[in-house]
Amino acid sequence: MPLRQFAWHNRERLGLLSIRDDALLLHAMKWPDKVRSPDELAPMKKADVDEDELAWETRDVATACNLPSSARPRA
């Protein structure tokens, strides 16, 4: 599989070319200096959330996602 540089939106990127069935695929890759450690992304401390707040947020998400009433959490 060839590894090539290409331009996209005025930025130079790294890509991997491959063939699947009758299609030529370009997989956009990240430069090594752009890849971050998962440790950098982990939260620094545990969030302080009480049970009532969690219950309200769960109901809000269920409503926003249009979940059927049978799948929604009970109060």
C-alpha atoms as a PDB file:
ATOM      1  CA  MET A   1       0.000   0.000   0.000  1.00  0.00           C
ATOM      2  CA  PRO A   2       1.546   3.299  -1.046  1.00  0.00           C
ATOM      3  CA  LEU A   3       1.922   6.059   1.519  1.00  0.00           C
ATOM      4  CA  ARG A   4       1.663   9.520  -0.090  1.00  0.00           C
ATOM      5  CA  GLN A   5       1.417  13.192   0.736  1.00  0.00           C
ATOM      6  CA  PHE A   6      -1.556  15.101  -0.664  1.00  0.00           C
ATOM      7  CA  ALA A   7      -3.090  18.564  -0.373  1.00  0.00           C
ATOM      8  CA  TRP A   8      -6.611  19.017   1.016  1.00  0.00           C
ATOM      9  CA  HIS A   9      -8.127  22.338   2.078  1.00  0.00           C
ATOM     10  CA  ASN A  10      -4.771  24.090   1.611  1.00  0.00           C
ATOM     11  CA  ARG A  11      -3.038  21.725   4.037  1.00  0.00           C
ATOM     12  CA  GLU A  12      -0.519  19.027   3.342  1.00  0.00           C
ATOM     13  CA  ARG A  13      -1.654  15.656   4.641  1.00  0.00           C
ATOM     14  CA  LEU A  14      -0.464  12.082   4.724  1.00  0.00           C
ATOM     15  CA  GLY A  15      -2.519   9.357   3.070  1.00  0.00           C
ATOM     16  CA  LEU A  16      -2.558   5.627   2.488  1.00  0.00           C
ATOM     17  CA  LEU A  17      -3.917   4.378  -0.853  1.00  0.00           C
ATOM     18  CA  SER A  18      -5.707   1.048  -1.121  1.00  0.00           C
ATOM     19  CA  ILE A  19      -8.065  -0.741  -3.495  1.00  0.00           C
ATOM     20  CA  ARG A  20     -11.370  -2.319  -2.444  1.00  0.00           C
ATOM     21  CA  ASP A  21     -13.505  -3.980  -5.102  1.00  0.00           C
ATOM     22  CA  ASP A  22     -13.691  -1.418  -7.944  1.00  0.00           C
ATOM     23  CA  ALA A  23     -12.810   1.614  -5.790  1.00  0.00           C
ATOM     24  CA  LEU A  24      -9.574   3.418  -5.004  1.00  0.00           C
ATOM     25  CA  LEU A  25      -9.577   4.466  -1.325  1.00  0.00           C
ATOM     26  CA  LEU A  26      -7.546   7.206   0.314  1.00  0.00           C
ATOM     27  CA  HIS A  27      -7.174   6.864   4.082  1.00  0.00           C
ATOM     28  CA  ALA A  28      -6.180  10.185   5.658  1.00  0.00           C
ATOM     29  CA  MET A  29      -3.486   9.683   8.291  1.00  0.00           C
ATOM     30  CA  LYS A  30      -2.077  11.941  10.996  1.00  0.00           C
ATOM     31  CA  TRP A  31       1.492  13.158  11.135  1.00  0.00           C
ATOM     32  CA  PRO A  32       3.379  11.621  14.079  1.00  0.00           C
ATOM     33  CA  ASP A  33       3.736  14.999  15.816  1.00  0.00           C
ATOM     34  CA  LYS A  34      -0.076  15.464  15.705  1.00  0.00           C
ATOM     35  CA  VAL A  35      -0.856  12.229  17.576  1.00  0.00           C
ATOM     36  CA  ARG A  36      -1.398  12.812  21.296  1.00  0.00           C
ATOM     37  CA  SER A  37      -1.099  10.418  24.188  1.00  0.00           C
ATOM     38  CA  PRO A  38      -4.431   9.311  25.721  1.00  0.00           C
ATOM     39  CA  ASP A  39      -3.031  10.409  29.097  1.00  0.00           C
ATOM     40  CA  GLU A  40      -3.202  14.037  27.894  1.00  0.00           C
ATOM     41  CA  LEU A  41      -6.919  13.632  27.156  1.00  0.00           C
ATOM     42  CA  ALA A  42      -7.966  12.041  30.446  1.00  0.00           C
ATOM     43  CA  PRO A  43      -9.763  14.316  32.922  1.00  0.00           C
ATOM     44  CA  MET A  44      -7.583  15.611  35.728  1.00  0.00           C
ATOM     45  CA  LYS A  45     -10.067  14.871  38.517  1.00  0.00           C
ATOM     46  CA  LYS A  46     -13.287  12.993  39.027  1.00  0.00           C
ATOM     47  CA  ALA A  47     -16.450  15.011  38.340  1.00  0.00           C
ATOM     48  CA  ASP A  48     -18.633  15.815  41.325  1.00  0.00           C
ATOM     49  CA  VAL A  49     -22.208  14.955  40.210  1.00  0.00           C
ATOM     50  CA  ASP A  50     -25.061  14.075  42.543  1.00  0.00           C
ATOM     51  CA  GLU A  51     -27.735  11.454  41.758  1.00  0.00           C
ATOM     52  CA  ASP A  52     -30.518  14.022  41.108  1.00  0.00           C
ATOM     53  CA  GLU A  53     -28.434  15.881  38.516  1.00  0.00           C
ATOM     54  CA  LEU A  54     -27.514  12.623  36.807  1.00  0.00           C
ATOM     55  CA  ALA A  55     -31.191  11.555  36.667  1.00  0.00           C
ATOM     56  CA  TRP A  56     -32.232  14.882  35.100  1.00  0.00           C
ATOM     57  CA  GLU A  57     -29.454  14.731  32.488  1.00  0.00           C
ATOM     58  CA  THR A  58     -30.352  11.138  31.604  1.00  0.00           C
ATOM     59  CA  ARG A  59     -33.995  12.119  31.046  1.00  0.00           C
ATOM     60  CA  ASP A  60     -32.930  15.135  28.916  1.00  0.00           C
ATOM     61  CA  VAL A  61     -30.779  12.946  26.670  1.00  0.00           C
ATOM     62  CA  ALA A  62     -33.542  10.351  26.300  1.00  0.00           C
ATOM     63  CA  THR A  63     -35.984  13.109  25.314  1.00  0.00           C
ATOM     64  CA  ALA A  64     -33.540  14.715  22.871  1.00  0.00           C
ATOM     65  CA  CYS A  65     -32.847  11.347  21.219  1.00  0.00           C
ATOM     66  CA  ASN A  66     -36.588  10.650  20.872  1.00  0.00           C
ATOM     67  CA  LEU A  67     -36.319   7.371  22.726  1.00  0.00           C
ATOM     68  CA  PRO A  68     -39.633   5.541  23.151  1.00  0.00           C
ATOM     69  CA  SER A  69     -41.123   5.849  26.627  1.00  0.00           C
ATOM     70  CA  SER A  70     -40.361   2.166  27.310  1.00  0.00           C
ATOM     71  CA  ALA A  71     -36.614   2.851  26.865  1.00  0.00           C
ATOM     72  CA  ARG A  72     -36.536   6.012  29.002  1.00  0.00           C
ATOM     73  CA  PRO A  73     -35.300   5.906  32.592  1.00  0.00           C
ATOM     74  CA  ARG A  74     -37.956   6.083  35.273  1.00  0.00           C
ATOM     75  CA  ALA A  75     -38.042   8.938  37.766  1.00  0.00           C
END
